Amino acid sequence: MQTDPHPVLEQPADRQFVSALARGLEILRCFRPGESLLSNSEMARRTGMPKPTISRLTHTLTKLGYLHFSPDQGRYELGAGVLALGYTLLANLDVRALARPAMQELAEYAQCSVAIGIRDRLNMVYIEACRGSAAVTMRRDAGSRIPLSTTAMGKAYLCALPQAERDFLMDHIRLDDEAAWPTVKADIEEGFRHYQDHGFCLSSGLWDSKISAVGVALPDPDPAKTMSFTCGGPSFLLPRDRLVGDLAPRLVTLVRTMETKLGRNLS
């Protein structure tokens, strides 16, 4: 089932769509890493909803425990209810426990970061991350978000999707930034060809020229459950020949092992 990366809050053609619920969830999505407090006015600007509507929704979400209001700050922060939902999701993902030992072993070997991500709209969200003990490495933990279209993890994810799902997301990537689309499209298509030939995608520097990474997908019959693994770090520590000749094959082996343990075996 396709999930709109930018869902419309008003969908009169869909009688099953509950707009009030959608608006409430959009409020929770306003919060970003590093931002603990937001006002009603800030949420109104981010969602495009009228401030009176925002005020009713934040009041309701506070009563339900999904937001907490700080009287001193006059702003809201995410409540324990959101944490409970996120923890339940992570706790039910068997792949995290299965993959963690092998991920940590690869992270120590490469002295870099190894992570699993799932898609959220036009981003990939880390659900597990391991780091080598070296001081110089990426500092991203579970919950970190990276772009779908310009990262090795995201491109590998796209490669694993059925054609209809891939086309659907590609169209939304285009609409998200039409000026950048020709460059992004060419990079994604190059990633498709490389994935078909070698079983992994490489970062190209479109997102961050200082980071080198390889991505391998873990597909699922249900595209919504498809995941992607990445191994990456500072470019000066991970030249292309090391990624291609050493780390990429190790990551492919790790992911295929997880595939077998989870009973997927789709690749």
C-alpha atoms as a PDB file:
ATOM      1  CA  MET A   1       0.000   0.000   0.000  1.00  0.00           C
ATOM      2  CA  GLN A   2       1.410   3.349  -1.029  1.00  0.00           C
ATOM      3  CA  THR A   3       1.779   6.003   1.643  1.00  0.00           C
ATOM      4  CA  ASP A   4       1.785   9.591   0.450  1.00  0.00           C
ATOM      5  CA  PRO A   5       5.085  11.241   1.478  1.00  0.00           C
ATOM      6  CA  HIS A   6       3.154  14.499   1.857  1.00  0.00           C
ATOM      7  CA  PRO A   7      -0.383  13.488   2.912  1.00  0.00           C
ATOM      8  CA  VAL A   8      -3.135  15.996   2.254  1.00  0.00           C
ATOM      9  CA  LEU A   9      -5.012  16.832   5.432  1.00  0.00           C
ATOM     10  CA  GLU A  10      -8.269  17.364   3.604  1.00  0.00           C
ATOM     11  CA  GLN A  11      -9.281  14.424   1.429  1.00  0.00           C
ATOM     12  CA  PRO A  12     -13.027  14.749   0.695  1.00  0.00           C
ATOM     13  CA  ALA A  13     -12.865  12.005  -1.942  1.00  0.00           C
ATOM     14  CA  ASP A  14     -11.813   9.460   0.703  1.00  0.00           C
ATOM     15  CA  ARG A  15     -14.728   8.894   3.067  1.00  0.00           C
ATOM     16  CA  GLN A  16     -12.595   6.726   5.349  1.00  0.00           C
ATOM     17  CA  PHE A  17      -9.967   9.446   5.850  1.00  0.00           C
ATOM     18  CA  VAL A  18     -10.260  11.176   9.254  1.00  0.00           C
ATOM     19  CA  SER A  19      -8.927  14.701   8.757  1.00  0.00           C
ATOM     20  CA  ALA A  20      -8.940  15.563  12.471  1.00  0.00           C
ATOM     21  CA  LEU A  21      -6.683  12.591  13.219  1.00  0.00           C
ATOM     22  CA  ALA A  22      -4.369  13.539  10.362  1.00  0.00           C
ATOM     23  CA  ARG A  23      -4.080  17.086  11.677  1.00  0.00           C
ATOM     24  CA  GLY A  24      -3.193  15.833  15.140  1.00  0.00           C
ATOM     25  CA  LEU A  25      -0.442  13.605  13.773  1.00  0.00           C
ATOM     26  CA  GLU A  26       0.936  16.501  11.744  1.00  0.00           C
ATOM     27  CA  ILE A  27       1.313  18.429  15.008  1.00  0.00           C
ATOM     28  CA  LEU A  28       3.518  15.660  16.414  1.00  0.00           C
ATOM     29  CA  ARG A  29       5.593  15.682  13.228  1.00  0.00           C
ATOM     30  CA  CYS A  30       6.449  19.363  13.734  1.00  0.00           C
ATOM     31  CA  PHE A  31       9.073  18.474  16.326  1.00  0.00           C
ATOM     32  CA  ARG A  32      12.561  17.918  14.966  1.00  0.00           C
ATOM     33  CA  PRO A  33      15.775  16.596  16.524  1.00  0.00           C
ATOM     34  CA  GLY A  34      17.344  19.310  18.645  1.00  0.00           C
ATOM     35  CA  GLU A  35      14.036  21.171  19.094  1.00  0.00           C
ATOM     36  CA  SER A  36      12.383  20.316  22.382  1.00  0.00           C
ATOM     37  CA  LEU A  37       9.874  23.178  22.576  1.00  0.00           C
ATOM     38  CA  LEU A  38       7.463  24.701  20.039  1.00  0.00           C
ATOM     39  CA  SER A  39       4.724  27.297  20.344  1.00  0.00           C
ATOM     40  CA  ASN A  40       1.290  27.160  18.748  1.00  0.00           C
ATOM     41  CA  SER A  41       2.389  29.900  16.349  1.00  0.00           C
ATOM     42  CA  GLU A  42       5.456  27.928  15.251  1.00  0.00           C
ATOM     43  CA  MET A  43       3.356  24.815  14.665  1.00  0.00           C
ATOM     44  CA  ALA A  44       0.815  26.833  12.706  1.00  0.00           C
ATOM     45  CA  ARG A  45       3.573  28.080  10.399  1.00  0.00           C
ATOM     46  CA  ARG A  46       4.967  24.601   9.857  1.00  0.00           C
ATOM     47  CA  THR A  47       1.650  22.902   9.169  1.00  0.00           C
ATOM     48  CA  GLY A  48      -0.234  25.710   7.427  1.00  0.00           C
ATOM     49  CA  MET A  49      -3.161  25.161   9.785  1.00  0.00           C
ATOM     50  CA  PRO A  50      -4.973  28.094  11.455  1.00  0.00           C
ATOM     51  CA  LYS A  51      -3.747  28.926  14.936  1.00  0.00           C
ATOM     52  CA  PRO A  52      -7.189  28.299  16.570  1.00  0.00           C
ATOM     53  CA  THR A  53      -7.128  24.780  15.096  1.00  0.00           C
ATOM     54  CA  ILE A  54      -3.591  24.281  16.397  1.00  0.00           C
ATOM     55  CA  SER A  55      -4.658  25.430  19.871  1.00  0.00           C
ATOM     56  CA  ARG A  56      -7.492  22.886  20.015  1.00  0.00           C
ATOM     57  CA  LEU A  57      -5.262  20.101  18.795  1.00  0.00           C
ATOM     58  CA  THR A  58      -2.387  20.838  21.185  1.00  0.00           C
ATOM     59  CA  HIS A  59      -4.884  21.019  24.066  1.00  0.00           C
ATOM     60  CA  THR A  60      -6.273  17.602  23.130  1.00  0.00           C
ATOM     61  CA  LEU A  61      -2.841  16.043  22.616  1.00  0.00           C
ATOM     62  CA  THR A  62      -1.732  17.387  25.991  1.00  0.00           C
ATOM     63  CA  LYS A  63      -4.759  15.846  27.694  1.00  0.00           C
ATOM     64  CA  LEU A  64      -3.904  12.507  26.058  1.00  0.00           C
ATOM     65  CA  GLY A  65      -0.243  12.643  27.131  1.00  0.00           C
ATOM     66  CA  TYR A  66       1.283  13.070  23.670  1.00  0.00           C
ATOM     67  CA  LEU A  67       2.326  16.661  24.411  1.00  0.00           C
ATOM     68  CA  HIS A  68       3.435  18.437  27.574  1.00  0.00           C
ATOM     69  CA  PHE A  69       2.896  22.165  28.096  1.00  0.00           C
ATOM     70  CA  SER A  70       5.621  24.172  29.808  1.00  0.00           C
ATOM     71  CA  PRO A  71       4.020  27.182  31.576  1.00  0.00           C
ATOM     72  CA  ASP A  72       7.397  28.873  32.047  1.00  0.00           C
ATOM     73  CA  GLN A  73       8.215  28.669  28.336  1.00  0.00           C
ATOM     74  CA  GLY A  74       4.670  29.005  27.031  1.00  0.00           C
ATOM     75  CA  ARG A  75       5.463  26.176  24.623  1.00  0.00           C
ATOM     76  CA  TYR A  76       4.861  22.478  24.090  1.00  0.00           C
ATOM     77  CA  GLU A  77       7.182  19.497  24.039  1.00  0.00           C
ATOM     78  CA  LEU A  78       6.598  15.871  23.135  1.00  0.00           C
ATOM     79  CA  GLY A  79       5.119  13.808  25.938  1.00  0.00           C
ATOM     80  CA  ALA A  80       5.700  10.283  27.204  1.00  0.00           C
ATOM     81  CA  GLY A  81       2.892   8.937  25.032  1.00  0.00           C
ATOM     82  CA  VAL A  82       4.969   9.513  21.905  1.00  0.00           C
ATOM     83  CA  LEU A  83       7.951   7.771  23.467  1.00  0.00           C
ATOM     84  CA  ALA A  84       5.768   4.782  24.374  1.00  0.00           C
ATOM     85  CA  LEU A  85       4.601   4.420  20.772  1.00  0.00           C
ATOM     86  CA  GLY A  86       8.129   4.676  19.407  1.00  0.00           C
ATOM     87  CA  TYR A  87       9.494   2.205  21.937  1.00  0.00           C
ATOM     88  CA  THR A  88       6.763  -0.303  21.081  1.00  0.00           C
ATOM     89  CA  LEU A  89       7.663  -0.069  17.395  1.00  0.00           C
ATOM     90  CA  LEU A  90      11.372  -0.584  18.047  1.00  0.00           C
ATOM     91  CA  ALA A  91      10.759  -3.409  20.513  1.00  0.00           C
ATOM     92  CA  ASN A  92       8.742  -5.301  17.899  1.00  0.00           C
ATOM     93  CA  LEU A  93      11.435  -5.078  15.205  1.00  0.00           C
ATOM     94  CA  ASP A  94      13.244  -8.408  15.519  1.00  0.00           C
ATOM     95  CA  VAL A  95      15.863  -7.375  12.998  1.00  0.00           C
ATOM     96  CA  ARG A  96      17.444  -4.982  15.489  1.00  0.00           C
ATOM     97  CA  ALA A  97      18.330  -7.705  17.984  1.00  0.00           C
ATOM     98  CA  LEU A  98      19.350 -10.141  15.263  1.00  0.00           C
ATOM     99  CA  ALA A  99      21.571  -7.695  13.409  1.00  0.00           C
ATOM    100  CA  ARG A 100      23.155  -5.758  16.272  1.00  0.00           C
ATOM    101  CA  PRO A 101      26.102  -8.132  17.006  1.00  0.00           C
ATOM    102  CA  ALA A 102      27.128  -8.323  13.334  1.00  0.00           C
ATOM    103  CA  MET A 103      26.622  -4.574  12.916  1.00  0.00           C
ATOM    104  CA  GLN A 104      28.850  -3.818  15.887  1.00  0.00           C
ATOM    105  CA  GLU A 105      31.500  -6.222  14.598  1.00  0.00           C
ATOM    106  CA  LEU A 106      31.515  -4.489  11.196  1.00  0.00           C
ATOM    107  CA  ALA A 107      31.560  -1.043  12.829  1.00  0.00           C
ATOM    108  CA  GLU A 108      34.625  -2.016  14.879  1.00  0.00           C
ATOM    109  CA  TYR A 109      36.358  -3.567  11.885  1.00  0.00           C
ATOM    110  CA  ALA A 110      35.755  -0.527   9.681  1.00  0.00           C
ATOM    111  CA  GLN A 111      35.932   2.028  12.510  1.00  0.00           C
ATOM    112  CA  CYS A 112      32.826   3.670  11.105  1.00  0.00           C
ATOM    113  CA  SER A 113      29.044   3.642  11.603  1.00  0.00           C
ATOM    114  CA  VAL A 114      26.611   0.881  10.643  1.00  0.00           C
ATOM    115  CA  ALA A 115      22.871   1.524  10.750  1.00  0.00           C
ATOM    116  CA  ILE A 116      19.451   0.193   9.751  1.00  0.00           C
ATOM    117  CA  GLY A 117      16.820   2.566   8.427  1.00  0.00           C
ATOM    118  CA  ILE A 118      13.158   2.546   7.470  1.00  0.00           C
ATOM    119  CA  ARG A 119      11.373   5.076   5.279  1.00  0.00           C
ATOM    120  CA  ASP A 120       9.314   7.940   6.653  1.00  0.00           C
ATOM    121  CA  ARG A 121       7.942  10.058   3.801  1.00  0.00           C
ATOM    122  CA  LEU A 122      10.999  11.281   1.877  1.00  0.00           C
ATOM    123  CA  ASN A 123      13.504  10.398   4.612  1.00  0.00           C
ATOM    124  CA  MET A 124      15.149   7.325   6.042  1.00  0.00           C
ATOM    125  CA  VAL A 125      14.979   7.035   9.837  1.00  0.00           C
ATOM    126  CA  TYR A 126      17.568   5.063  11.786  1.00  0.00           C
ATOM    127  CA  ILE A 127      16.057   2.323  13.937  1.00  0.00           C
ATOM    128  CA  GLU A 128      19.435   0.966  15.055  1.00  0.00           C
ATOM    129  CA  ALA A 129      22.977   2.322  14.867  1.00  0.00           C
ATOM    130  CA  CYS A 130      26.368   0.992  15.917  1.00  0.00           C
ATOM    131  CA  ARG A 131      29.672   2.852  15.958  1.00  0.00           C
ATOM    132  CA  GLY A 132      33.285   1.800  16.058  1.00  0.00           C
ATOM    133  CA  SER A 133      35.368   2.828  19.050  1.00  0.00           C
ATOM    134  CA  ALA A 134      37.405   5.327  16.987  1.00  0.00           C
ATOM    135  CA  ALA A 135      36.991   8.949  17.960  1.00  0.00           C
ATOM    136  CA  VAL A 136      36.375  10.077  14.357  1.00  0.00           C
ATOM    137  CA  THR A 137      33.044   8.692  13.200  1.00  0.00           C
ATOM    138  CA  MET A 138      29.495   9.814  12.498  1.00  0.00           C
ATOM    139  CA  ARG A 139      27.381  10.496  15.564  1.00  0.00           C
ATOM    140  CA  ARG A 140      23.906   9.445  14.528  1.00  0.00           C
ATOM    141  CA  ASP A 141      21.691   7.312  16.721  1.00  0.00           C
ATOM    142  CA  ALA A 142      18.278   5.669  16.436  1.00  0.00           C
ATOM    143  CA  GLY A 143      15.790   8.322  15.370  1.00  0.00           C
ATOM    144  CA  SER A 144      18.239  10.196  13.135  1.00  0.00           C
ATOM    145  CA  ARG A 145      16.835  11.185   9.733  1.00  0.00           C
ATOM    146  CA  ILE A 146      18.650  11.324   6.408  1.00  0.00           C
ATOM    147  CA  PRO A 147      17.329  12.022   2.897  1.00  0.00           C
ATOM    148  CA  LEU A 148      15.825   9.187   0.869  1.00  0.00           C
ATOM    149  CA  SER A 149      16.941  10.419  -2.531  1.00  0.00           C
ATOM    150  CA  THR A 150      20.590  11.387  -2.034  1.00  0.00           C
ATOM    151  CA  THR A 151      22.040   8.843   0.397  1.00  0.00           C
ATOM    152  CA  ALA A 152      23.392   5.327  -0.110  1.00  0.00           C
ATOM    153  CA  MET A 153      20.845   3.981   2.376  1.00  0.00           C
ATOM    154  CA  GLY A 154      17.940   5.718   0.651  1.00  0.00           C
ATOM    155  CA  LYS A 155      18.974   4.771  -2.877  1.00  0.00           C
ATOM    156  CA  ALA A 156      19.372   1.124  -1.837  1.00  0.00           C
ATOM    157  CA  TYR A 157      15.877   1.249  -0.354  1.00  0.00           C
ATOM    158  CA  LEU A 158      14.472   2.548  -3.653  1.00  0.00           C
ATOM    159  CA  CYS A 159      16.227  -0.237  -5.552  1.00  0.00           C
ATOM    160  CA  ALA A 160      14.425  -2.897  -3.509  1.00  0.00           C
ATOM    161  CA  LEU A 161      10.902  -1.601  -4.167  1.00  0.00           C
ATOM    162  CA  PRO A 162       8.443  -2.893  -6.753  1.00  0.00           C
ATOM    163  CA  GLN A 163       8.357  -0.659  -9.819  1.00  0.00           C
ATOM    164  CA  ALA A 164       5.009   0.944  -8.963  1.00  0.00           C
ATOM    165  CA  GLU A 165       6.158   1.899  -5.462  1.00  0.00           C
ATOM    166  CA  ARG A 166       9.451   3.220  -6.785  1.00  0.00           C
ATOM    167  CA  ASP A 167       7.758   5.335  -9.465  1.00  0.00           C
ATOM    168  CA  PHE A 168       5.358   6.720  -6.861  1.00  0.00           C
ATOM    169  CA  LEU A 169       8.227   7.883  -4.636  1.00  0.00           C
ATOM    170  CA  MET A 170      10.313   9.142  -7.536  1.00  0.00           C
ATOM    171  CA  ASP A 171       7.445  11.388  -8.555  1.00  0.00           C
ATOM    172  CA  HIS A 172       7.232  12.836  -5.057  1.00  0.00           C
ATOM    173  CA  ILE A 173      11.001  13.349  -4.940  1.00  0.00           C
ATOM    174  CA  ARG A 174      10.688  15.320  -8.166  1.00  0.00           C
ATOM    175  CA  LEU A 175       7.844  17.443  -6.806  1.00  0.00           C
ATOM    176  CA  ASP A 176       9.767  18.118  -3.595  1.00  0.00           C
ATOM    177  CA  ASP A 177      12.571  19.938  -5.452  1.00  0.00           C
ATOM    178  CA  GLU A 178      12.056  20.262  -9.184  1.00  0.00           C
ATOM    179  CA  ALA A 179      15.155  22.430  -9.643  1.00  0.00           C
ATOM    180  CA  ALA A 180      17.411  19.698  -8.256  1.00  0.00           C
ATOM    181  CA  TRP A 181      15.483  16.866  -9.914  1.00  0.00           C
ATOM    182  CA  PRO A 182      17.631  16.363 -13.059  1.00  0.00           C
ATOM    183  CA  THR A 183      20.783  15.900 -10.961  1.00  0.00           C
ATOM    184  CA  VAL A 184      19.024  13.762  -8.342  1.00  0.00           C
ATOM    185  CA  LYS A 185      17.311  11.621 -10.978  1.00  0.00           C
ATOM    186  CA  ALA A 186      20.589  10.917 -12.777  1.00  0.00           C
ATOM    187  CA  ASP A 187      22.234   9.947  -9.486  1.00  0.00           C
ATOM    188  CA  ILE A 188      19.377   7.614  -8.502  1.00  0.00           C
ATOM    189  CA  GLU A 189      19.401   5.952 -11.915  1.00  0.00           C
ATOM    190  CA  GLU A 190      23.150   5.412 -11.631  1.00  0.00           C
ATOM    191  CA  GLY A 191      22.459   3.884  -8.231  1.00  0.00           C
ATOM    192  CA  PHE A 192      19.918   1.502  -9.802  1.00  0.00           C
ATOM    193  CA  ARG A 193      22.454   0.305 -12.364  1.00  0.00           C
ATOM    194  CA  HIS A 194      25.147  -0.175  -9.723  1.00  0.00           C
ATOM    195  CA  TYR A 195      22.745  -2.055  -7.463  1.00  0.00           C
ATOM    196  CA  GLN A 196      21.739  -4.410 -10.277  1.00  0.00           C
ATOM    197  CA  ASP A 197      25.371  -5.140 -11.114  1.00  0.00           C
ATOM    198  CA  HIS A 198      26.890  -5.252  -7.621  1.00  0.00           C
ATOM    199  CA  GLY A 199      24.097  -5.504  -5.021  1.00  0.00           C
ATOM    200  CA  PHE A 200      24.795  -2.205  -3.252  1.00  0.00           C
ATOM    201  CA  CYS A 201      24.653   1.568  -3.702  1.00  0.00           C
ATOM    202  CA  LEU A 202      27.345   4.127  -2.979  1.00  0.00           C
ATOM    203  CA  SER A 203      27.061   7.683  -1.742  1.00  0.00           C
ATOM    204  CA  SER A 204      27.792  10.280  -4.412  1.00  0.00           C
ATOM    205  CA  GLY A 205      28.302  13.412  -2.330  1.00  0.00           C
ATOM    206  CA  LEU A 206      24.977  15.014  -3.240  1.00  0.00           C
ATOM    207  CA  TRP A 207      23.861  15.003   0.376  1.00  0.00           C
ATOM    208  CA  ASP A 208      27.212  15.477   2.155  1.00  0.00           C
ATOM    209  CA  SER A 209      30.505  15.476   0.273  1.00  0.00           C
ATOM    210  CA  LYS A 210      32.405  14.731   3.486  1.00  0.00           C
ATOM    211  CA  ILE A 211      30.654  11.390   4.056  1.00  0.00           C
ATOM    212  CA  SER A 212      31.252   8.124   2.182  1.00  0.00           C
ATOM    213  CA  ALA A 213      28.829   5.245   2.572  1.00  0.00           C
ATOM    214  CA  VAL A 214      27.489   2.063   1.063  1.00  0.00           C
ATOM    215  CA  GLY A 215      23.845   0.955   1.255  1.00  0.00           C
ATOM    216  CA  VAL A 216      22.186  -2.469   0.966  1.00  0.00           C
ATOM    217  CA  ALA A 217      18.445  -3.105   1.135  1.00  0.00           C
ATOM    218  CA  LEU A 218      16.629  -5.745   3.162  1.00  0.00           C
ATOM    219  CA  PRO A 219      13.434  -6.264   1.121  1.00  0.00           C
ATOM    220  CA  ASP A 220      10.088  -7.555   2.328  1.00  0.00           C
ATOM    221  CA  PRO A 221       6.971  -8.768   0.475  1.00  0.00           C
ATOM    222  CA  ASP A 222       5.248  -5.777   2.069  1.00  0.00           C
ATOM    223  CA  PRO A 223       7.132  -2.710   0.749  1.00  0.00           C
ATOM    224  CA  ALA A 224       6.203  -0.803   3.912  1.00  0.00           C
ATOM    225  CA  LYS A 225       8.446  -3.215   5.847  1.00  0.00           C
ATOM    226  CA  THR A 226      11.443  -2.944   3.539  1.00  0.00           C
ATOM    227  CA  MET A 227      14.556  -1.681   5.335  1.00  0.00           C
ATOM    228  CA  SER A 228      18.016  -0.591   4.330  1.00  0.00           C
ATOM    229  CA  PHE A 229      21.441  -0.966   5.938  1.00  0.00           C
ATOM    230  CA  THR A 230      24.318   1.455   5.580  1.00  0.00           C
ATOM    231  CA  CYS A 231      27.985   1.488   6.499  1.00  0.00           C
ATOM    232  CA  GLY A 232      29.677   4.857   6.350  1.00  0.00           C
ATOM    233  CA  GLY A 233      31.895   7.494   7.836  1.00  0.00           C
ATOM    234  CA  PRO A 234      34.180  10.414   6.988  1.00  0.00           C
ATOM    235  CA  SER A 235      35.340  10.305   3.371  1.00  0.00           C
ATOM    236  CA  PHE A 236      39.001  10.628   4.288  1.00  0.00           C
ATOM    237  CA  LEU A 237      38.742   7.344   6.220  1.00  0.00           C
ATOM    238  CA  LEU A 238      36.659   5.527   3.622  1.00  0.00           C
ATOM    239  CA  PRO A 239      38.026   5.985   0.093  1.00  0.00           C
ATOM    240  CA  ARG A 240      35.999   4.472  -2.727  1.00  0.00           C
ATOM    241  CA  ASP A 241      38.317   1.508  -3.279  1.00  0.00           C
ATOM    242  CA  ARG A 242      37.941   0.456   0.362  1.00  0.00           C
ATOM    243  CA  LEU A 243      34.168   0.818   0.214  1.00  0.00           C
ATOM    244  CA  VAL A 244      33.844  -1.179  -3.001  1.00  0.00           C
ATOM    245  CA  GLY A 245      36.494  -3.792  -2.392  1.00  0.00           C
ATOM    246  CA  ASP A 246      36.107  -4.422   1.330  1.00  0.00           C
ATOM    247  CA  LEU A 247      33.195  -2.884   3.228  1.00  0.00           C
ATOM    248  CA  ALA A 248      30.458  -3.260   0.614  1.00  0.00           C
ATOM    249  CA  PRO A 249      30.899  -7.048   0.284  1.00  0.00           C
ATOM    250  CA  ARG A 250      30.899  -7.369   4.072  1.00  0.00           C
ATOM    251  CA  LEU A 251      27.676  -5.348   4.343  1.00  0.00           C
ATOM    252  CA  VAL A 252      26.041  -7.395   1.569  1.00  0.00           C
ATOM    253  CA  THR A 253      26.931 -10.591   3.452  1.00  0.00           C
ATOM    254  CA  LEU A 254      25.554  -9.144   6.695  1.00  0.00           C
ATOM    255  CA  VAL A 255      22.236  -8.188   5.084  1.00  0.00           C
ATOM    256  CA  ARG A 256      21.825 -11.473   3.222  1.00  0.00           C
ATOM    257  CA  THR A 257      22.441 -13.298   6.516  1.00  0.00           C
ATOM    258  CA  MET A 258      19.692 -11.229   8.131  1.00  0.00           C
ATOM    259  CA  GLU A 259      17.454 -12.037   5.183  1.00  0.00           C
ATOM    260  CA  THR A 260      17.901 -15.746   5.825  1.00  0.00           C
ATOM    261  CA  LYS A 261      17.386 -15.453   9.591  1.00  0.00           C
ATOM    262  CA  LEU A 262      14.174 -13.488   9.030  1.00  0.00           C
ATOM    263  CA  GLY A 263      12.953 -15.921   6.403  1.00  0.00           C
ATOM    264  CA  ARG A 264      12.688 -13.338   3.641  1.00  0.00           C
ATOM    265  CA  ASN A 265      15.118 -14.578   0.980  1.00  0.00           C
ATOM    266  CA  LEU A 266      13.749 -12.247  -1.699  1.00  0.00           C
ATOM    267  CA  SER A 267      16.951 -11.031  -3.307  1.00  0.00           C
END
